[in-house]
Amino acid sequence: KMICEKPPKCDDDKPTLAPLGDGETVGSRGSAGLGGHTTWESGEWSFCSAVCGEGTRTRNVKCGTGHDEDCVAAKRPAASEKCTDYHGCQYATGQWSTCSAKCGEGVQTRAVNCAGPSCSSDKPASQQ
């Protein structure tokens, strides 16, 4: 008995025949040995590149055989994607205004805005 097998590195695309060993049956070598396709392997996603807004996260993606040409390129999982993270948003403060009084006690104000939808730190004073 013989099965059709494509070696990992060939000079041409012609398959070669490899004899079945003792105890082997057609199909026992897995899909790669029968001209099928192996699966893609994906690593864990990285942290988002942004700490306050939109960024990107990445992961390693490789073919299970170690040779990307052995897997179907159209079925390759994404190695990067957009992400949003707001855990590091900080408050932005403007300049203090001039004092409201020319003599004695007065008030100074400034703009205080969060750089994202929510800020994790205490809000700075907007008046003194």
Foldseek 3Di string as FASTA:
>chain_A
DWAWAQDPDDPDDHTDIDDDDPPDDVCPVDQNGRLHAADKDKDDWDDFPDAQFKGKIFIDIAGPVRDNVRHDPVPTDDGMDMDTHHAAWDKDKADWDPFPDPDDHGKIFIDIGIPHPDYDDDTDDGMD
